[in-house]
PDB file of N, CA and C in Angstrom:
ATOM      1  N   MET A   1     -13.119 -66.492  30.923  1.00  0.00           N
ATOM      2  CA  MET A   1     -12.275 -66.830  32.134  1.00  0.00           C
ATOM      3  C   MET A   1     -12.187 -68.344  31.772  1.00  0.00           C
ATOM      4  N   ASP A   2     -10.827 -68.582  32.167  1.00  0.00           N
ATOM      5  CA  ASP A   2     -10.583 -69.274  31.971  1.00  0.00           C
ATOM      6  C   ASP A   2      -9.878 -70.940  32.625  1.00  0.00           C
ATOM      7  N   CYS A   3     -10.805 -72.058  32.445  1.00  0.00           N
ATOM      8  CA  CYS A   3     -10.462 -72.969  33.529  1.00  0.00           C
ATOM      9  C   CYS A   3      -9.853 -74.070  33.563  1.00  0.00           C
ATOM     10  N   SER A   4      -9.385 -74.446  34.128  1.00  0.00           N
ATOM     11  CA  SER A   4      -8.670 -75.769  33.759  1.00  0.00           C
ATOM     12  C   SER A   4      -9.354 -77.356  34.016  1.00  0.00           C
ATOM     13  N   PHE A   5      -9.228 -78.232  33.669  1.00  0.00           N
ATOM     14  CA  PHE A   5     -10.082 -79.348  34.078  1.00  0.00           C
ATOM     15  C   PHE A   5     -10.352 -79.775  35.567  1.00  0.00           C
ATOM     16  N   ASP A   6      -9.362 -79.562  35.961  1.00  0.00           N
ATOM     17  CA  ASP A   6      -9.036 -79.873  37.863  1.00  0.00           C
ATOM     18  C   ASP A   6     -10.009 -79.251  38.121  1.00  0.00           C
ATOM     19  N   GLN A   7      -9.600 -77.536  37.898  1.00  0.00           N
ATOM     20  CA  GLN A   7     -10.914 -76.549  38.412  1.00  0.00           C
ATOM     21  C   GLN A   7     -12.721 -77.021  38.288  1.00  0.00           C
ATOM     22  N   LEU A   8     -12.423 -77.486  37.118  1.00  0.00           N
ATOM     23  CA  LEU A   8     -14.106 -78.206  36.644  1.00  0.00           C
ATOM     24  C   LEU A   8     -14.648 -79.226  37.642  1.00  0.00           C
ATOM     25  N   ASN A   9     -13.386 -80.374  37.381  1.00  0.00           N
ATOM     26  CA  ASN A   9     -13.989 -80.869  38.490  1.00  0.00           C
ATOM     27  C   ASN A   9     -13.982 -81.000  39.634  1.00  0.00           C
ATOM     28  N   GLN A  10     -13.341 -80.089  40.677  1.00  0.00           N
ATOM     29  CA  GLN A  10     -13.767 -79.397  41.900  1.00  0.00           C
ATOM     30  C   GLN A  10     -14.951 -78.757  41.619  1.00  0.00           C
ATOM     31  N   LEU A  11     -15.548 -77.749  40.663  1.00  0.00           N
ATOM     32  CA  LEU A  11     -16.453 -77.254  40.740  1.00  0.00           C
ATOM     33  C   LEU A  11     -18.009 -77.638  40.258  1.00  0.00           C
ATOM     34  N   ILE A  12     -17.623 -78.507  39.953  1.00  0.00           N
ATOM     35  CA  ILE A  12     -18.897 -79.159  39.132  1.00  0.00           C
ATOM     36  C   ILE A  12     -19.247 -80.648  39.507  1.00  0.00           C
ATOM     37  N   PRO A  13     -20.240 -80.746  40.032  1.00  0.00           N
ATOM     38  CA  PRO A  13     -21.122 -81.792  40.163  1.00  0.00           C
ATOM     39  C   PRO A  13     -20.683 -82.775  39.040  1.00  0.00           C
ATOM     40  N   SER A  14     -20.502 -84.228  39.356  1.00  0.00           N
ATOM     41  CA  SER A  14     -20.158 -85.098  38.019  1.00  0.00           C
ATOM     42  C   SER A  14     -21.253 -85.185  37.293  1.00  0.00           C
ATOM     43  N   ARG A  15     -22.639 -85.261  37.577  1.00  0.00           N
ATOM     44  CA  ARG A  15     -23.871 -85.599  36.612  1.00  0.00           C
ATOM     45  C   ARG A  15     -23.667 -84.669  35.442  1.00  0.00           C
ATOM     46  N   GLN A  16     -23.772 -83.243  36.641  1.00  0.00           N
ATOM     47  CA  GLN A  16     -23.569 -81.759  35.363  1.00  0.00           C
ATOM     48  C   GLN A  16     -22.542 -81.553  34.721  1.00  0.00           C
ATOM     49  N   ARG A  17     -21.229 -81.994  35.256  1.00  0.00           N
ATOM     50  CA  ARG A  17     -19.852 -82.074  34.178  1.00  0.00           C
ATOM     51  C   ARG A  17     -19.811 -82.767  32.900  1.00  0.00           C
ATOM     52  N   ALA A  18     -20.698 -84.128  33.108  1.00  0.00           N
ATOM     53  CA  ALA A  18     -21.045 -84.772  31.758  1.00  0.00           C
ATOM     54  C   ALA A  18     -21.616 -84.148  30.979  1.00  0.00           C
ATOM     55  N   ALA A  19     -22.975 -83.447  31.523  1.00  0.00           N
ATOM     56  CA  ALA A  19     -23.871 -82.597  30.405  1.00  0.00           C
ATOM     57  C   ALA A  19     -22.709 -81.674  30.314  1.00  0.00           C
ATOM     58  N   LEU A  20     -22.260 -80.891  30.494  1.00  0.00           N
ATOM     59  CA  LEU A  20     -21.813 -79.774  30.041  1.00  0.00           C
ATOM     60  C   LEU A  20     -20.599 -80.175  28.969  1.00  0.00           C
ATOM     61  N   ILE A  21     -19.860 -81.230  29.324  1.00  0.00           N
ATOM     62  CA  ILE A  21     -18.935 -81.431  28.312  1.00  0.00           C
ATOM     63  C   ILE A  21     -19.806 -81.856  26.875  1.00  0.00           C
ATOM     64  N   SER A  22     -20.829 -82.702  27.379  1.00  0.00           N
ATOM     65  CA  SER A  22     -21.706 -83.150  26.288  1.00  0.00           C
ATOM     66  C   SER A  22     -22.289 -82.019  25.375  1.00  0.00           C
ATOM     67  N   VAL A  23     -22.582 -81.221  25.934  1.00  0.00           N
ATOM     68  CA  VAL A  23     -23.401 -79.900  25.310  1.00  0.00           C
ATOM     69  C   VAL A  23     -21.980 -78.915  24.834  1.00  0.00           C
ATOM     70  N   ASN A  24     -20.901 -78.957  25.463  1.00  0.00           N
ATOM     71  CA  ASN A  24     -19.589 -78.549  24.727  1.00  0.00           C
ATOM     72  C   ASN A  24     -19.348 -79.156  23.297  1.00  0.00           C
ATOM     73  N   SER A  25     -19.331 -80.563  23.112  1.00  0.00           N
ATOM     74  CA  SER A  25     -19.052 -81.367  22.155  1.00  0.00           C
ATOM     75  C   SER A  25     -20.401 -81.234  20.939  1.00  0.00           C
ATOM     76  N   MET A  26     -21.739 -80.919  21.399  1.00  0.00           N
ATOM     77  CA  MET A  26     -22.616 -80.737  20.750  1.00  0.00           C
ATOM     78  C   MET A  26     -22.777 -79.283  19.769  1.00  0.00           C
ATOM     79  N   PHE A  27     -21.982 -78.202  20.375  1.00  0.00           N
ATOM     80  CA  PHE A  27     -21.983 -76.873  20.068  1.00  0.00           C
ATOM     81  C   PHE A  27     -20.672 -77.047  18.548  1.00  0.00           C
ATOM     82  N   PHE A  28     -19.726 -78.031  19.335  1.00  0.00           N
ATOM     83  CA  PHE A  28     -18.174 -77.941  18.417  1.00  0.00           C
ATOM     84  C   PHE A  28     -18.331 -78.635  17.145  1.00  0.00           C
ATOM     85  N   SER A  29     -19.539 -79.585  17.397  1.00  0.00           N
ATOM     86  CA  SER A  29     -20.091 -80.728  16.066  1.00  0.00           C
ATOM     87  C   SER A  29     -20.774 -79.504  15.115  1.00  0.00           C
ATOM     88  N   ALA A  30     -21.721 -78.728  15.870  1.00  0.00           N
ATOM     89  CA  ALA A  30     -22.607 -77.795  14.886  1.00  0.00           C
ATOM     90  C   ALA A  30     -21.558 -77.149  14.101  1.00  0.00           C
ATOM     91  N   GLY A  31     -20.916 -76.450  14.889  1.00  0.00           N
ATOM     92  CA  GLY A  31     -19.927 -75.206  14.144  1.00  0.00           C
ATOM     93  C   GLY A  31     -19.201 -75.833  13.307  1.00  0.00           C
ATOM     94  N   MET A  32     -18.452 -77.173  13.260  1.00  0.00           N
ATOM     95  CA  MET A  32     -17.642 -78.008  12.395  1.00  0.00           C
ATOM     96  C   MET A  32     -18.250 -78.266  11.028  1.00  0.00           C
ATOM     97  N   SER A  33     -19.816 -78.272  11.499  1.00  0.00           N
ATOM     98  CA  SER A  33     -20.827 -78.934  10.132  1.00  0.00           C
ATOM     99  C   SER A  33     -21.030 -77.736   9.528  1.00  0.00           C
ATOM    100  N   LEU A  34     -20.477 -76.633   9.991  1.00  0.00           N
ATOM    101  CA  LEU A  34     -20.951 -75.408   9.082  1.00  0.00           C
ATOM    102  C   LEU A  34     -19.843 -74.798   8.551  1.00  0.00           C
ATOM    103  N   LEU A  35     -18.846 -75.026   9.451  1.00  0.00           N
ATOM    104  CA  LEU A  35     -17.275 -74.196   8.495  1.00  0.00           C
ATOM    105  C   LEU A  35     -16.733 -75.459   7.616  1.00  0.00           C
ATOM    106  N   PHE A  36     -16.462 -76.387   8.001  1.00  0.00           N
ATOM    107  CA  PHE A  36     -16.563 -77.328   7.088  1.00  0.00           C
ATOM    108  C   PHE A  36     -16.826 -77.023   5.510  1.00  0.00           C
ATOM    109  N   PRO A  37     -18.237 -77.012   4.991  1.00  0.00           N
ATOM    110  CA  PRO A  37     -18.465 -77.125   3.528  1.00  0.00           C
ATOM    111  C   PRO A  37     -18.062 -75.407   3.317  1.00  0.00           C
ATOM    112  N   LEU A  38     -18.233 -74.212   4.409  1.00  0.00           N
ATOM    113  CA  LEU A  38     -17.773 -73.117   3.849  1.00  0.00           C
ATOM    114  C   LEU A  38     -16.588 -73.028   3.944  1.00  0.00           C
ATOM    115  N   ALA A  39     -15.883 -73.928   3.861  1.00  0.00           N
ATOM    116  CA  ALA A  39     -14.083 -73.840   3.714  1.00  0.00           C
ATOM    117  C   ALA A  39     -13.530 -74.872   2.943  1.00  0.00           C
ATOM    118  N   GLY A  40     -14.487 -75.700   2.300  1.00  0.00           N
ATOM    119  CA  GLY A  40     -14.544 -76.767   0.792  1.00  0.00           C
ATOM    120  C   GLY A  40     -15.157 -75.394  -0.390  1.00  0.00           C
ATOM    121  N   ALA A  41     -16.468 -74.970  -0.057  1.00  0.00           N
ATOM    122  CA  ALA A  41     -16.814 -73.704  -0.991  1.00  0.00           C
ATOM    123  C   ALA A  41     -15.728 -72.995  -1.380  1.00  0.00           C
ATOM    124  N   LEU A  42     -14.658 -72.357  -0.437  1.00  0.00           N
ATOM    125  CA  LEU A  42     -14.109 -71.401  -0.704  1.00  0.00           C
ATOM    126  C   LEU A  42     -12.567 -72.045  -1.602  1.00  0.00           C
ATOM    127  N   ALA A  43     -12.326 -72.936  -0.734  1.00  0.00           N
ATOM    128  CA  ALA A  43     -11.299 -73.983  -1.798  1.00  0.00           C
ATOM    129  C   ALA A  43     -11.386 -74.168  -3.099  1.00  0.00           C
ATOM    130  N   ASP A  44     -12.762 -74.439  -2.996  1.00  0.00           N
ATOM    131  CA  ASP A  44     -13.141 -74.929  -4.949  1.00  0.00           C
ATOM    132  C   ASP A  44     -13.627 -73.347  -5.246  1.00  0.00           C
ATOM    133  N   ARG A  45     -13.827 -72.072  -4.649  1.00  0.00           N
ATOM    134  CA  ARG A  45     -13.885 -71.158  -5.316  1.00  0.00           C
ATOM    135  C   ARG A  45     -12.475 -70.411  -5.655  1.00  0.00           C
ATOM    136  N   PHE A  46     -11.476 -70.586  -5.201  1.00  0.00           N
ATOM    137  CA  PHE A  46     -10.470 -70.319  -4.908  1.00  0.00           C
ATOM    138  C   PHE A  46      -9.032 -71.058  -5.770  1.00  0.00           C
ATOM    139  N   CYS A  47      -9.720 -72.233  -6.474  1.00  0.00           N
ATOM    140  CA  CYS A  47      -8.711 -73.490  -6.627  1.00  0.00           C
ATOM    141  C   CYS A  47      -7.739 -74.126  -5.890  1.00  0.00           C
ATOM    142  N   VAL A  48      -7.860 -74.176  -4.508  1.00  0.00           N
ATOM    143  CA  VAL A  48      -6.786 -74.376  -3.765  1.00  0.00           C
ATOM    144  C   VAL A  48      -5.971 -75.087  -4.172  1.00  0.00           C
ATOM    145  N   ILE A  49      -7.274 -76.572  -4.015  1.00  0.00           N
ATOM    146  CA  ILE A  49      -6.584 -77.922  -4.435  1.00  0.00           C
ATOM    147  C   ILE A  49      -5.817 -78.286  -6.124  1.00  0.00           C
ATOM    148  N   GLU A  50      -6.397 -77.789  -6.683  1.00  0.00           N
ATOM    149  CA  GLU A  50      -6.152 -77.956  -8.312  1.00  0.00           C
ATOM    150  C   GLU A  50      -4.590 -77.184  -8.662  1.00  0.00           C
ATOM    151  N   LYS A  51      -4.582 -75.867  -7.720  1.00  0.00           N
ATOM    152  CA  LYS A  51      -3.422 -75.415  -8.079  1.00  0.00           C
ATOM    153  C   LYS A  51      -2.300 -76.084  -7.544  1.00  0.00           C
ATOM    154  N   ASN A  52      -2.562 -76.856  -6.540  1.00  0.00           N
ATOM    155  CA  ASN A  52      -1.732 -77.381  -5.534  1.00  0.00           C
ATOM    156  C   ASN A  52      -1.082 -78.734  -6.239  1.00  0.00           C
ATOM    157  N   ILE A  53      -2.494 -79.245  -6.741  1.00  0.00           N
ATOM    158  CA  ILE A  53      -1.745 -80.766  -8.093  1.00  0.00           C
ATOM    159  C   ILE A  53      -0.846 -80.348  -8.598  1.00  0.00           C
ATOM    160  N   TYR A  54      -1.341 -79.614  -9.622  1.00  0.00           N
ATOM    161  CA  TYR A  54      -1.033 -78.941 -10.953  1.00  0.00           C
ATOM    162  C   TYR A  54       0.627 -78.689 -11.202  1.00  0.00           C
ATOM    163  N   ASN A  55       0.902 -78.011  -9.743  1.00  0.00           N
ATOM    164  CA  ASN A  55       2.614 -77.054  -9.667  1.00  0.00           C
ATOM    165  C   ASN A  55       3.036 -77.851  -9.412  1.00  0.00           C
ATOM    166  N   MET A  56       2.586 -79.347  -8.803  1.00  0.00           N
ATOM    167  CA  MET A  56       3.666 -80.353  -7.685  1.00  0.00           C
ATOM    168  C   MET A  56       4.669 -81.242  -9.257  1.00  0.00           C
ATOM    169  N   THR A  57       4.522 -81.221 -10.301  1.00  0.00           N
ATOM    170  CA  THR A  57       5.347 -81.255 -11.446  1.00  0.00           C
ATOM    171  C   THR A  57       6.701 -80.809 -11.617  1.00  0.00           C
TER     172      THR A  57
END
């Protein structure tokens, strides 16, 4: 279900909307705290940065 922010503003009271946005932000941050180290480990494993730096000359 795709809702716009205008629809959320009309459907959800202000106090609940603030809590919903806060919880959404918390889950996003938790997901990124897991995803970023994984992306770094994959980059280290496949030498993504080193290949690009040494091939630029």
